[in-house]
């Protein structure tokens, strides 16, 4: 009898959680002048302009995710202080697994993280400061090590645009089956069929973000996601890894 009551209580809690969920618009892959090759506009401060753009485009959450650098995060957080925009601190890194030497990961962290904490994460991965902003650099640490260090720091990892080429797309099999990833930032909408075909019983969170390398590109791709919390904790609930399939 008590077991039945517990089940009913759990179901009630789940119903309440679902009823409290709201939809939030997000673009969680945005570059800044800290990424080499960023297309800045002379005379315009990027951080305040980015926040203004997010407001105009009705984006609730944004993340600055430069290549191997957290240097711009403090500026963006400062610019967003008086706004309703939530800034998710992040960084993009490249690494390799056995099947693919071009795995791109968006690493996202709690709101209280700043440039110092992100760069400390990169230091733990042994990324030299001379490579900050370099999209061609590849982290030498294994994916297992990267996952361990990121999750130790309460971070989440989202493989990004792995469907961009057939070579990278083939690596998704391992990322799901071996490493337990359930959230992906996809480049092409028709890639959803790939996930459904290969894992019909697994529920994935498939985002699509702008990968903006200029202000004009911010919000060119957005995702609208239902979450119980408007910040990092809500994002973590929908994007965290699970046990591998194999």
Protein backbone atom coordinates (compact mmCIF):
# COMPACT_ATOMS: atom_id res chain seq x y z
CA UNK A 1 0.00 0.00 0.00
CA UNK A 2 2.79 2.41 0.94
CA UNK A 3 4.53 1.60 -2.37
CA UNK A 4 1.38 2.58 -4.26
CA UNK A 5 1.19 5.85 -2.33
CA UNK A 6 4.83 6.56 -3.15
CA UNK A 7 4.16 5.95 -6.85
CA UNK A 8 1.14 8.25 -6.77
CA UNK A 9 3.16 10.93 -4.98
CA UNK A 10 5.94 10.67 -7.57
CA UNK A 11 3.43 10.93 -10.42
CA UNK A 12 1.87 13.98 -8.79
CA UNK A 13 5.30 15.60 -8.47
CA UNK A 14 6.07 14.92 -12.13
CA UNK A 15 2.73 16.41 -13.17
CA UNK A 16 3.41 19.51 -11.08
CA UNK A 17 6.89 19.87 -12.58
CA UNK A 18 5.52 19.59 -16.12
CA UNK A 19 2.79 22.11 -15.34
CA UNK A 20 5.40 24.57 -14.07
CA UNK A 21 7.50 24.30 -17.21
CA UNK A 22 7.72 27.30 -19.52
CA UNK A 23 9.18 27.68 -23.00
CA UNK A 24 12.44 29.61 -23.25
CA UNK A 25 14.11 30.83 -26.42
CA UNK A 26 17.85 30.33 -26.55
CA UNK A 27 20.93 30.71 -28.71
CA UNK A 28 23.76 28.95 -26.91
CA UNK A 29 26.52 29.05 -29.49
CA UNK A 30 27.68 32.62 -30.06
CA UNK A 31 31.22 33.79 -30.72
CA UNK A 32 32.79 37.11 -29.77
CA UNK A 33 35.96 39.08 -30.56
CA UNK A 34 37.78 36.49 -28.42
CA UNK A 35 37.40 33.96 -31.26
CA UNK A 36 39.90 34.38 -34.08
CA UNK A 37 38.05 35.27 -37.27
CA UNK A 38 35.16 37.03 -35.54
CA UNK A 39 33.68 39.74 -37.78
CA UNK A 40 33.42 42.81 -35.58
CA UNK A 41 31.95 46.19 -36.52
CA UNK A 42 34.19 49.19 -36.02
CA UNK A 43 32.85 51.62 -33.45
CA UNK A 44 30.32 49.20 -31.94
CA UNK A 45 30.88 47.55 -28.56
CA UNK A 46 30.04 43.89 -29.02
CA UNK A 47 28.73 43.00 -25.54
CA UNK A 48 26.02 45.71 -25.19
CA UNK A 49 25.06 45.26 -28.85
CA UNK A 50 24.70 41.51 -28.37
CA UNK A 51 22.39 42.01 -25.38
CA UNK A 52 20.28 44.53 -27.32
CA UNK A 53 19.98 42.10 -30.22
CA UNK A 54 18.90 39.30 -27.90
CA UNK A 55 16.17 41.56 -26.50
CA UNK A 56 14.95 42.56 -29.97
CA UNK A 57 14.86 38.91 -31.07
CA UNK A 58 13.14 37.90 -27.81
CA UNK A 59 15.88 35.48 -26.81
CA UNK A 60 15.81 34.50 -23.13
CA UNK A 61 19.16 32.72 -22.82
CA UNK A 62 22.41 33.38 -24.65
CA UNK A 63 25.83 31.79 -24.28
CA UNK A 64 29.13 33.17 -25.45
CA UNK A 65 31.10 30.13 -26.57
CA UNK A 66 34.42 31.18 -28.02
CA UNK A 67 36.97 28.71 -29.29
CA UNK A 68 39.16 27.71 -26.34
CA UNK A 69 38.70 31.02 -24.50
CA UNK A 70 36.57 32.43 -21.72
CA UNK A 71 37.95 35.96 -21.99
CA UNK A 72 34.75 37.64 -23.20
CA UNK A 73 32.34 36.23 -20.62
CA UNK A 74 32.82 38.91 -17.96
CA UNK A 75 32.09 41.67 -20.49
CA UNK A 76 28.86 40.02 -21.62
CA UNK A 77 27.70 39.33 -18.08
CA UNK A 78 28.29 42.98 -17.17
CA UNK A 79 26.38 44.18 -20.23
CA UNK A 80 23.42 41.93 -19.38
CA UNK A 81 23.20 42.86 -15.68
CA UNK A 82 20.29 45.28 -16.04
CA UNK A 83 18.44 43.16 -18.59
CA UNK A 84 16.16 40.13 -18.48
CA UNK A 85 18.66 38.14 -20.58
CA UNK A 86 20.27 35.12 -18.90
CA UNK A 87 23.92 34.63 -19.84
CA UNK A 88 25.17 31.04 -19.75
CA UNK A 89 28.98 30.99 -19.48
CA UNK A 90 30.59 28.64 -21.96
CA UNK A 91 33.41 27.71 -24.28
CA UNK A 92 33.78 25.57 -27.42
CA UNK A 93 36.55 22.99 -27.59
CA UNK A 94 37.68 20.46 -30.17
CA UNK A 95 38.88 16.99 -29.27
CA UNK A 96 39.22 13.52 -30.77
CA UNK A 97 37.77 10.07 -30.24
CA UNK A 98 38.90 6.89 -31.97
CA UNK A 99 36.39 7.29 -34.81
CA UNK A 100 36.80 11.03 -35.39
CA UNK A 101 39.53 13.62 -34.81
CA UNK A 102 37.10 16.54 -35.13
CA UNK A 103 34.64 16.38 -32.24
CA UNK A 104 33.30 19.81 -31.29
CA UNK A 105 31.83 20.33 -27.82
CA UNK A 106 29.96 23.29 -26.38
CA UNK A 107 30.87 23.31 -22.68
CA UNK A 108 28.34 25.23 -20.56
CA UNK A 109 28.53 26.15 -16.88
CA UNK A 110 26.45 27.72 -14.07
CA UNK A 111 25.71 31.46 -14.24
CA UNK A 112 28.14 32.30 -11.44
CA UNK A 113 31.08 31.21 -13.59
CA UNK A 114 33.05 34.02 -15.19
CA UNK A 115 36.09 34.36 -17.42
CA UNK A 116 38.40 33.23 -14.61
CA UNK A 117 36.52 29.98 -13.99
CA UNK A 118 36.19 29.12 -17.68
CA UNK A 119 39.88 29.75 -18.27
CA UNK A 120 40.66 27.62 -15.21
CA UNK A 121 38.66 24.80 -16.83
CA UNK A 122 40.77 25.23 -19.97
CA UNK A 123 43.89 25.17 -17.81
CA UNK A 124 42.79 21.83 -16.36
CA UNK A 125 42.54 20.59 -19.95
CA UNK A 126 46.08 21.93 -20.51
CA UNK A 127 45.00 24.42 -23.19
CA UNK A 128 47.85 26.96 -23.53
CA UNK A 129 46.89 30.65 -23.48
CA UNK A 130 48.63 31.01 -26.84
CA UNK A 131 45.80 28.90 -28.34
CA UNK A 132 42.93 30.94 -26.87
CA UNK A 133 40.49 31.78 -29.65
CA UNK A 134 42.00 29.30 -32.12
CA UNK A 135 39.35 27.14 -33.79
CA UNK A 136 42.01 24.82 -35.25
CA UNK A 137 43.45 23.82 -31.88
CA UNK A 138 42.58 20.37 -30.57
CA UNK A 139 42.58 19.47 -26.88
CA UNK A 140 44.91 16.55 -26.17
CA UNK A 141 42.85 15.18 -23.29
CA UNK A 142 40.64 12.17 -23.96
CA UNK A 143 36.88 12.64 -24.09
CA UNK A 144 36.62 10.66 -20.84
CA UNK A 145 38.95 13.16 -19.16
CA UNK A 146 37.08 16.14 -20.62
CA UNK A 147 33.74 14.79 -19.38
CA UNK A 148 35.18 14.13 -15.91
CA UNK A 149 36.69 17.62 -15.57
CA UNK A 150 33.61 19.39 -16.95
CA UNK A 151 31.15 17.50 -14.76
CA UNK A 152 33.38 17.94 -11.71
CA UNK A 153 32.88 21.68 -12.31
CA UNK A 154 29.08 21.17 -12.62
CA UNK A 155 29.26 21.70 -16.39
CA UNK A 156 27.40 20.08 -19.25
CA UNK A 157 28.73 19.16 -22.69
CA UNK A 158 26.72 19.38 -25.90
CA UNK A 159 28.28 17.96 -29.09
CA UNK A 160 27.91 20.70 -31.67
CA UNK A 161 27.22 20.44 -35.41
CA UNK A 162 28.45 16.87 -35.59
CA UNK A 163 26.04 16.31 -38.49
CA UNK A 164 27.88 18.88 -40.62
CA UNK A 165 29.82 16.24 -42.61
CA UNK A 166 29.38 12.46 -43.11
CA UNK A 167 32.71 11.90 -41.33
CA UNK A 168 31.61 13.75 -38.21
CA UNK A 169 28.07 12.37 -38.38
CA UNK A 170 29.37 8.80 -38.14
CA UNK A 171 30.91 9.67 -34.75
CA UNK A 172 27.47 10.43 -33.29
CA UNK A 173 26.93 6.67 -32.92
CA UNK A 174 29.82 6.45 -30.44
CA UNK A 175 28.89 9.70 -28.69
CA UNK A 176 25.45 8.25 -27.94
CA UNK A 177 26.23 4.59 -27.35
CA UNK A 178 29.53 4.84 -25.48
CA UNK A 179 29.46 8.29 -23.89
CA UNK A 180 25.76 8.70 -23.18
CA UNK A 181 25.13 12.05 -24.88
CA UNK A 182 21.44 12.82 -25.26
CA UNK A 183 21.62 16.48 -26.29
CA UNK A 184 23.09 17.68 -29.58
CA UNK A 185 23.32 21.00 -31.39
CA UNK A 186 22.52 20.00 -34.97
CA UNK A 187 23.30 21.86 -38.19
CA UNK A 188 20.51 20.37 -40.31
CA UNK A 189 16.86 19.82 -39.38
CA UNK A 190 16.68 16.57 -41.36
CA UNK A 191 19.32 15.08 -39.03
CA UNK A 192 16.48 14.43 -36.58
CA UNK A 193 15.56 11.43 -38.72
CA UNK A 194 19.07 10.00 -38.17
CA UNK A 195 18.52 9.92 -34.41
CA UNK A 196 15.03 8.48 -34.70
CA UNK A 197 16.20 5.77 -37.09
CA UNK A 198 19.15 4.67 -34.95
CA UNK A 199 17.59 5.05 -31.48
CA UNK A 200 13.78 4.89 -31.79
CA UNK A 201 13.31 4.41 -28.02
CA UNK A 202 15.67 7.15 -26.81
CA UNK A 203 14.45 10.69 -26.24
CA UNK A 204 16.99 13.26 -27.45
CA UNK A 205 17.15 17.00 -26.94
CA UNK A 206 18.10 18.33 -30.37
CA UNK A 207 19.01 22.00 -30.34
CA UNK A 208 19.89 24.26 -33.26
CA UNK A 209 22.01 27.32 -32.47
CA UNK A 210 23.40 30.09 -34.67
CA UNK A 211 27.16 29.52 -34.30
CA UNK A 212 27.23 33.31 -34.82
CA UNK A 213 30.59 34.78 -35.81
CA UNK A 214 29.16 38.29 -36.27
CA UNK A 215 26.44 40.31 -34.56
CA UNK A 216 24.14 39.99 -37.57
CA UNK A 217 24.12 36.20 -37.17
CA UNK A 218 22.99 36.15 -33.53
CA UNK A 219 19.62 34.43 -33.28
CA UNK A 220 19.68 33.28 -36.91
CA UNK A 221 19.05 29.85 -35.41
CA UNK A 222 17.32 29.48 -32.07
CA UNK A 223 15.79 26.72 -30.00
CA UNK A 224 12.60 27.03 -27.97
CA UNK A 225 12.76 24.58 -25.09
CA UNK A 226 10.42 23.84 -22.20
CA UNK A 227 12.23 23.98 -18.86
CA UNK A 228 11.23 24.11 -15.19
CA UNK A 229 13.97 26.67 -14.51
CA UNK A 230 14.92 29.60 -16.78
CA UNK A 231 18.66 29.29 -16.18
CA UNK A 232 21.49 26.78 -16.17
CA UNK A 233 19.75 24.34 -13.81
CA UNK A 234 16.80 24.03 -16.18
CA UNK A 235 19.18 23.55 -19.10
CA UNK A 236 21.08 20.89 -17.20
CA UNK A 237 17.88 18.90 -16.68
CA UNK A 238 17.21 18.66 -20.42
CA UNK A 239 20.81 18.32 -21.64
CA UNK A 240 22.62 16.08 -19.17
CA UNK A 241 24.25 12.82 -20.25
CA UNK A 242 22.74 9.42 -19.48
CA UNK A 243 24.20 5.94 -19.31
CA UNK A 244 25.62 4.70 -22.61
CA UNK A 245 23.63 2.21 -24.67
CA UNK A 246 26.44 -0.32 -24.98
